[in-house]
C-alpha atoms as a PDB file:
ATOM      1  CA  UNK A   1     109.322 117.424  67.119  1.00  0.00           C
ATOM      2  CA  UNK A   2     112.794 116.702  67.436  1.00  0.00           C
ATOM      3  CA  UNK A   3     113.487 119.272  64.675  1.00  0.00           C
ATOM      4  CA  UNK A   4     112.730 122.203  67.300  1.00  0.00           C
ATOM      5  CA  UNK A   5     114.682 120.960  70.252  1.00  0.00           C
ATOM      6  CA  UNK A   6     118.149 122.187  70.605  1.00  0.00           C
ATOM      7  CA  UNK A   7     121.398 120.114  70.110  1.00  0.00           C
ATOM      8  CA  UNK A   8     122.426 120.641  73.476  1.00  0.00           C
ATOM      9  CA  UNK A   9     119.086 118.859  75.182  1.00  0.00           C
ATOM     10  CA  UNK A  10     119.319 116.232  72.711  1.00  0.00           C
ATOM     11  CA  UNK A  11     122.792 115.191  73.705  1.00  0.00           C
ATOM     12  CA  UNK A  12     121.803 115.456  77.505  1.00  0.00           C
ATOM     13  CA  UNK A  13     118.969 113.257  76.667  1.00  0.00           C
ATOM     14  CA  UNK A  14     121.259 110.713  74.814  1.00  0.00           C
ATOM     15  CA  UNK A  15     123.791 110.776  77.732  1.00  0.00           C
ATOM     16  CA  UNK A  16     120.947 110.034  80.076  1.00  0.00           C
ATOM     17  CA  UNK A  17     119.348 107.065  78.070  1.00  0.00           C
ATOM     18  CA  UNK A  18     122.752 105.519  77.645  1.00  0.00           C
ATOM     19  CA  UNK A  19     123.856 105.685  81.387  1.00  0.00           C
ATOM     20  CA  UNK A  20     120.327 104.303  82.470  1.00  0.00           C
ATOM     21  CA  UNK A  21     120.633 101.416  79.792  1.00  0.00           C
ATOM     22  CA  UNK A  22     124.034 100.499  80.924  1.00  0.00           C
ATOM     23  CA  UNK A  23     123.482 100.661  84.678  1.00  0.00           C
ATOM     24  CA  UNK A  24     119.896  99.544  84.875  1.00  0.00           C
ATOM     25  CA  UNK A  25     119.097  98.029  81.585  1.00  0.00           C
ATOM     26  CA  UNK A  26     115.456  98.857  81.766  1.00  0.00           C
ATOM     27  CA  UNK A  27     113.210 101.804  82.989  1.00  0.00           C
ATOM     28  CA  UNK A  28     111.542  99.324  85.496  1.00  0.00           C
ATOM     29  CA  UNK A  29     114.867  98.351  87.012  1.00  0.00           C
ATOM     30  CA  UNK A  30     115.565 101.982  87.613  1.00  0.00           C
ATOM     31  CA  UNK A  31     112.138 102.586  89.332  1.00  0.00           C
ATOM     32  CA  UNK A  32     113.057  99.368  91.588  1.00  0.00           C
ATOM     33  CA  UNK A  33     116.469 100.872  92.244  1.00  0.00           C
ATOM     34  CA  UNK A  34     114.935 104.077  93.717  1.00  0.00           C
ATOM     35  CA  UNK A  35     112.344 102.073  95.581  1.00  0.00           C
ATOM     36  CA  UNK A  36     115.260 100.209  97.174  1.00  0.00           C
ATOM     37  CA  UNK A  37     117.232 103.328  97.970  1.00  0.00           C
ATOM     38  CA  UNK A  38     114.101 104.931  99.429  1.00  0.00           C
ATOM     39  CA  UNK A  39     112.596 102.050 101.011  1.00  0.00           C
ATOM     40  CA  UNK A  40     109.324 102.364  99.038  1.00  0.00           C
ATOM     41  CA  UNK A  41     106.917  99.346  98.542  1.00  0.00           C
ATOM     42  CA  UNK A  42     107.249  97.736  95.066  1.00  0.00           C
ATOM     43  CA  UNK A  43     105.273  99.026  92.423  1.00  0.00           C
ATOM     44  CA  UNK A  44     105.131 102.612  93.265  1.00  0.00           C
ATOM     45  CA  UNK A  45     102.545 104.309  90.650  1.00  0.00           C
ATOM     46  CA  UNK A  46     103.774 107.737  91.129  1.00  0.00           C
ATOM     47  CA  UNK A  47     107.113 107.034  89.891  1.00  0.00           C
ATOM     48  CA  UNK A  48     106.030 104.960  87.059  1.00  0.00           C
ATOM     49  CA  UNK A  49     104.532 107.945  85.681  1.00  0.00           C
ATOM     50  CA  UNK A  50     107.618 110.075  85.449  1.00  0.00           C
ATOM     51  CA  UNK A  51     109.749 110.253  82.330  1.00  0.00           C
ATOM     52  CA  UNK A  52     113.244 108.341  82.560  1.00  0.00           C
ATOM     53  CA  UNK A  53     115.274 111.696  82.777  1.00  0.00           C
ATOM     54  CA  UNK A  54     113.349 112.892  85.937  1.00  0.00           C
ATOM     55  CA  UNK A  55     113.802 109.167  87.362  1.00  0.00           C
ATOM     56  CA  UNK A  56     117.540 109.344  86.783  1.00  0.00           C
ATOM     57  CA  UNK A  57     117.723 112.662  88.389  1.00  0.00           C
ATOM     58  CA  UNK A  58     115.743 111.436  91.406  1.00  0.00           C
ATOM     59  CA  UNK A  59     117.713 108.371  91.635  1.00  0.00           C
ATOM     60  CA  UNK A  60     121.026 110.283  91.895  1.00  0.00           C
ATOM     61  CA  UNK A  61     119.462 112.527  94.580  1.00  0.00           C
ATOM     62  CA  UNK A  62     118.244 109.633  96.572  1.00  0.00           C
ATOM     63  CA  UNK A  63     121.648 108.010  96.121  1.00  0.00           C
ATOM     64  CA  UNK A  64     123.312 111.120  97.685  1.00  0.00           C
ATOM     65  CA  UNK A  65     120.805 111.071 100.450  1.00  0.00           C
ATOM     66  CA  UNK A  66     121.087 107.484 101.284  1.00  0.00           C
ATOM     67  CA  UNK A  67     125.180 108.139 101.380  1.00  0.00           C
ATOM     68  CA  UNK A  68     124.779 111.194 103.836  1.00  0.00           C
ATOM     69  CA  UNK A  69     122.476 109.214 106.138  1.00  0.00           C
ATOM     70  CA  UNK A  70     124.922 106.327 106.032  1.00  0.00           C
ATOM     71  CA  UNK A  71     127.802 108.637 106.953  1.00  0.00           C
ATOM     72  CA  UNK A  72     125.806 110.376 109.657  1.00  0.00           C
ATOM     73  CA  UNK A  73     125.133 106.715 111.364  1.00  0.00           C
ATOM     74  CA  UNK A  74     128.496 105.435 111.065  1.00  0.00           C
END
């Protein structure tokens, strides 16, 4: 349970969930944003099975990749 989780990890999880809620509102909107960045078909089941912290880390990495690709084009 949560009694065995370190405070640092709990604070990190709280920060992630707070940021996801502010930026996207729901988990489904976060998955849709990842799909949009990576040009995936809507309803990708692989992403739907991931936990929110992993999705958010993946979103940040995809955003960086998209920015680098855009900079290389232009």
